[in-house]
Amino acid sequence: MNDKDFSEVLACFKEAGQIKTGSKEPGRVSKIDPPAIKPVHTKHSCAQGHAKTISAKASSKKFTPHKNV
């Protein structure tokens, strides 16, 4: 990775930290409604314990991406 690309990545991480701490507003916010979990588990024969193993959370409704580089 060259210095220019590294500087851009570093700037994105710094911006993400500012957004996380609330010192900077995100450029956009996408809200995603969680799917109905029971039909998904039934369709894929997946127990709730397995969903926890893969870090799937029904409460994860908010996604805040960093600025496009």
N, C-alpha and C. Protein backbone atom coordinates (compact mmCIF):
# COMPACT_ATOMS: atom_id res chain seq x y z
N MET A 1 0.85 -1.17 0.00
CA MET A 1 0.00 0.00 0.00
C MET A 1 0.90 1.23 0.00
N ASN A 2 0.61 2.15 -0.90
CA ASN A 2 1.44 3.34 -0.95
C ASN A 2 1.00 4.36 0.11
N ASP A 3 1.78 5.40 0.29
CA ASP A 3 1.53 6.39 1.35
C ASP A 3 0.20 7.12 1.17
N LYS A 4 -0.17 7.41 -0.07
CA LYS A 4 -1.42 8.13 -0.32
C LYS A 4 -2.62 7.28 0.11
N ASP A 5 -2.63 6.01 -0.29
CA ASP A 5 -3.72 5.12 0.07
C ASP A 5 -3.77 4.92 1.59
N PHE A 6 -2.63 4.77 2.21
CA PHE A 6 -2.58 4.59 3.66
C PHE A 6 -3.13 5.83 4.37
N SER A 7 -2.80 7.01 3.88
CA SER A 7 -3.30 8.25 4.48
C SER A 7 -4.83 8.33 4.38
N GLU A 8 -5.38 7.89 3.24
CA GLU A 8 -6.83 7.90 3.07
C GLU A 8 -7.51 6.92 4.02
N VAL A 9 -6.94 5.74 4.18
CA VAL A 9 -7.49 4.74 5.10
C VAL A 9 -7.41 5.27 6.53
N LEU A 10 -6.30 5.87 6.90
CA LEU A 10 -6.12 6.42 8.23
C LEU A 10 -7.14 7.54 8.49
N ALA A 11 -7.37 8.39 7.50
CA ALA A 11 -8.35 9.46 7.63
C ALA A 11 -9.76 8.90 7.84
N CYS A 12 -10.08 7.81 7.15
CA CYS A 12 -11.39 7.17 7.31
C CYS A 12 -11.55 6.61 8.72
N PHE A 13 -10.50 6.01 9.26
CA PHE A 13 -10.57 5.49 10.62
C PHE A 13 -10.73 6.61 11.64
N LYS A 14 -10.04 7.70 11.42
CA LYS A 14 -10.16 8.84 12.33
C LYS A 14 -11.58 9.41 12.27
N GLU A 15 -12.13 9.51 11.07
CA GLU A 15 -13.49 10.01 10.91
C GLU A 15 -14.49 9.06 11.57
N ALA A 16 -14.28 7.77 11.42
CA ALA A 16 -15.17 6.78 12.06
C ALA A 16 -15.14 6.95 13.58
N GLY A 17 -13.97 7.21 14.13
CA GLY A 17 -13.86 7.43 15.57
C GLY A 17 -14.61 8.68 16.00
N GLN A 18 -14.54 9.73 15.21
CA GLN A 18 -15.25 10.97 15.52
C GLN A 18 -16.76 10.75 15.46
N ILE A 19 -17.22 9.99 14.49
CA ILE A 19 -18.65 9.69 14.36
C ILE A 19 -19.10 8.85 15.55
N LYS A 20 -18.29 7.88 15.93
CA LYS A 20 -18.64 7.00 17.04
C LYS A 20 -18.75 7.77 18.35
N THR A 21 -17.85 8.72 18.58
CA THR A 21 -17.88 9.50 19.82
C THR A 21 -18.90 10.62 19.78
N GLY A 22 -19.47 10.89 18.61
CA GLY A 22 -20.50 11.91 18.49
C GLY A 22 -19.96 13.30 18.19
N SER A 23 -18.66 13.42 17.98
CA SER A 23 -18.11 14.73 17.69
C SER A 23 -18.29 15.12 16.22
N LYS A 24 -18.76 14.16 15.39
CA LYS A 24 -19.02 14.45 13.99
C LYS A 24 -20.26 13.67 13.57
N GLU A 25 -21.11 14.30 12.77
CA GLU A 25 -22.30 13.64 12.27
C GLU A 25 -21.94 12.77 11.06
N PRO A 26 -22.58 11.60 10.92
CA PRO A 26 -22.33 10.78 9.74
C PRO A 26 -22.92 11.43 8.50
N GLY A 27 -22.35 11.15 7.36
CA GLY A 27 -22.84 11.70 6.10
C GLY A 27 -24.22 11.18 5.76
N ARG A 28 -24.51 9.93 6.16
CA ARG A 28 -25.82 9.35 5.93
C ARG A 28 -26.02 8.23 6.94
N VAL A 29 -27.27 7.91 7.21
CA VAL A 29 -27.62 6.83 8.13
C VAL A 29 -28.65 5.96 7.44
N SER A 30 -28.38 4.67 7.40
CA SER A 30 -29.33 3.72 6.82
C SER A 30 -29.94 2.90 7.94
N LYS A 31 -31.26 2.80 7.95
CA LYS A 31 -31.94 1.98 8.94
C LYS A 31 -32.48 0.75 8.25
N ILE A 32 -32.18 -0.40 8.83
CA ILE A 32 -32.58 -1.67 8.25
C ILE A 32 -33.48 -2.38 9.25
N ASP A 33 -34.69 -2.70 8.84
CA ASP A 33 -35.59 -3.43 9.72
C ASP A 33 -35.14 -4.88 9.79
N PRO A 34 -35.11 -5.44 11.00
CA PRO A 34 -34.68 -6.84 11.11
C PRO A 34 -35.73 -7.76 10.50
N PRO A 35 -35.28 -8.87 9.95
CA PRO A 35 -36.24 -9.82 9.37
C PRO A 35 -36.99 -10.54 10.49
N ALA A 36 -38.07 -11.18 10.15
CA ALA A 36 -38.78 -12.02 11.11
C ALA A 36 -37.88 -13.23 11.37
N ILE A 37 -37.37 -13.34 12.57
CA ILE A 37 -36.34 -14.35 12.89
C ILE A 37 -36.88 -15.77 12.85
N LYS A 38 -38.07 -15.99 13.38
CA LYS A 38 -38.59 -17.36 13.46
C LYS A 38 -38.68 -18.02 12.09
N PRO A 39 -39.25 -17.37 11.05
CA PRO A 39 -39.29 -18.02 9.73
C PRO A 39 -37.90 -18.30 9.16
N VAL A 40 -36.95 -17.44 9.44
CA VAL A 40 -35.59 -17.66 8.95
C VAL A 40 -34.99 -18.89 9.63
N HIS A 41 -35.17 -19.00 10.94
CA HIS A 41 -34.65 -20.17 11.68
C HIS A 41 -35.32 -21.45 11.19
N THR A 42 -36.65 -21.37 10.97
CA THR A 42 -37.37 -22.56 10.51
C THR A 42 -36.91 -22.97 9.12
N LYS A 43 -36.78 -22.00 8.23
CA LYS A 43 -36.38 -22.30 6.85
C LYS A 43 -34.99 -22.92 6.78
N HIS A 44 -34.07 -22.43 7.62
CA HIS A 44 -32.68 -22.89 7.55
C HIS A 44 -32.33 -23.86 8.66
N SER A 45 -33.33 -24.33 9.41
CA SER A 45 -33.11 -25.24 10.53
C SER A 45 -32.00 -24.72 11.44
N CYS A 46 -32.12 -23.48 11.81
CA CYS A 46 -31.08 -22.81 12.59
C CYS A 46 -31.62 -22.47 13.97
N ALA A 47 -30.92 -22.92 14.98
CA ALA A 47 -31.30 -22.59 16.36
C ALA A 47 -30.80 -21.20 16.71
N GLN A 48 -31.39 -20.59 17.72
CA GLN A 48 -30.97 -19.25 18.13
C GLN A 48 -29.52 -19.26 18.60
N GLY A 49 -29.08 -20.33 19.20
CA GLY A 49 -27.69 -20.43 19.66
C GLY A 49 -26.72 -20.28 18.50
N HIS A 50 -27.08 -20.84 17.35
CA HIS A 50 -26.21 -20.72 16.17
C HIS A 50 -26.17 -19.27 15.69
N ALA A 51 -27.29 -18.59 15.77
CA ALA A 51 -27.32 -17.18 15.36
C ALA A 51 -26.38 -16.36 16.24
N LYS A 52 -26.31 -16.68 17.52
CA LYS A 52 -25.39 -15.98 18.41
C LYS A 52 -23.94 -16.30 18.04
N THR A 53 -23.70 -17.53 17.61
CA THR A 53 -22.35 -17.92 17.23
C THR A 53 -21.83 -17.09 16.07
N ILE A 54 -22.72 -16.75 15.13
CA ILE A 54 -22.29 -15.96 13.97
C ILE A 54 -22.53 -14.47 14.18
N SER A 55 -22.81 -14.08 15.44
CA SER A 55 -23.00 -12.68 15.83
C SER A 55 -24.18 -12.02 15.12
N ALA A 56 -25.23 -12.75 14.88
CA ALA A 56 -26.43 -12.17 14.28
C ALA A 56 -27.30 -11.62 15.39
N LYS A 57 -27.66 -10.35 15.29
CA LYS A 57 -28.48 -9.72 16.30
C LYS A 57 -29.70 -9.09 15.64
N ALA A 58 -30.86 -9.39 16.17
CA ALA A 58 -32.08 -8.79 15.63
C ALA A 58 -32.14 -7.31 15.96
N SER A 59 -31.41 -6.89 16.97
CA SER A 59 -31.46 -5.48 17.38
C SER A 59 -30.51 -4.60 16.57
N SER A 60 -29.77 -5.16 15.65
CA SER A 60 -28.84 -4.39 14.84
C SER A 60 -29.60 -3.70 13.71
N LYS A 61 -30.28 -2.60 14.03
CA LYS A 61 -31.10 -1.91 13.05
C LYS A 61 -30.36 -0.76 12.37
N LYS A 62 -29.31 -0.27 12.98
CA LYS A 62 -28.69 0.94 12.49
C LYS A 62 -27.32 0.65 11.90
N PHE A 63 -27.08 1.14 10.72
CA PHE A 63 -25.79 0.99 10.05
C PHE A 63 -25.32 2.37 9.65
N THR A 64 -24.13 2.74 10.10
CA THR A 64 -23.61 4.06 9.79
C THR A 64 -22.30 3.89 9.01
N PRO A 65 -22.34 4.02 7.69
CA PRO A 65 -21.12 3.87 6.91
C PRO A 65 -20.25 5.14 6.99
N HIS A 66 -18.98 4.97 6.73
CA HIS A 66 -18.09 6.13 6.68
C HIS A 66 -18.23 6.79 5.30
N LYS A 67 -17.61 7.93 5.17
CA LYS A 67 -17.73 8.66 3.90
C LYS A 67 -17.09 7.86 2.76
N ASN A 68 -17.61 8.05 1.58
CA ASN A 68 -17.04 7.39 0.41
C ASN A 68 -15.73 8.03 0.05
N VAL A 69 -14.74 7.21 -0.22
CA VAL A 69 -13.41 7.73 -0.55
C VAL A 69 -13.20 7.58 -2.03
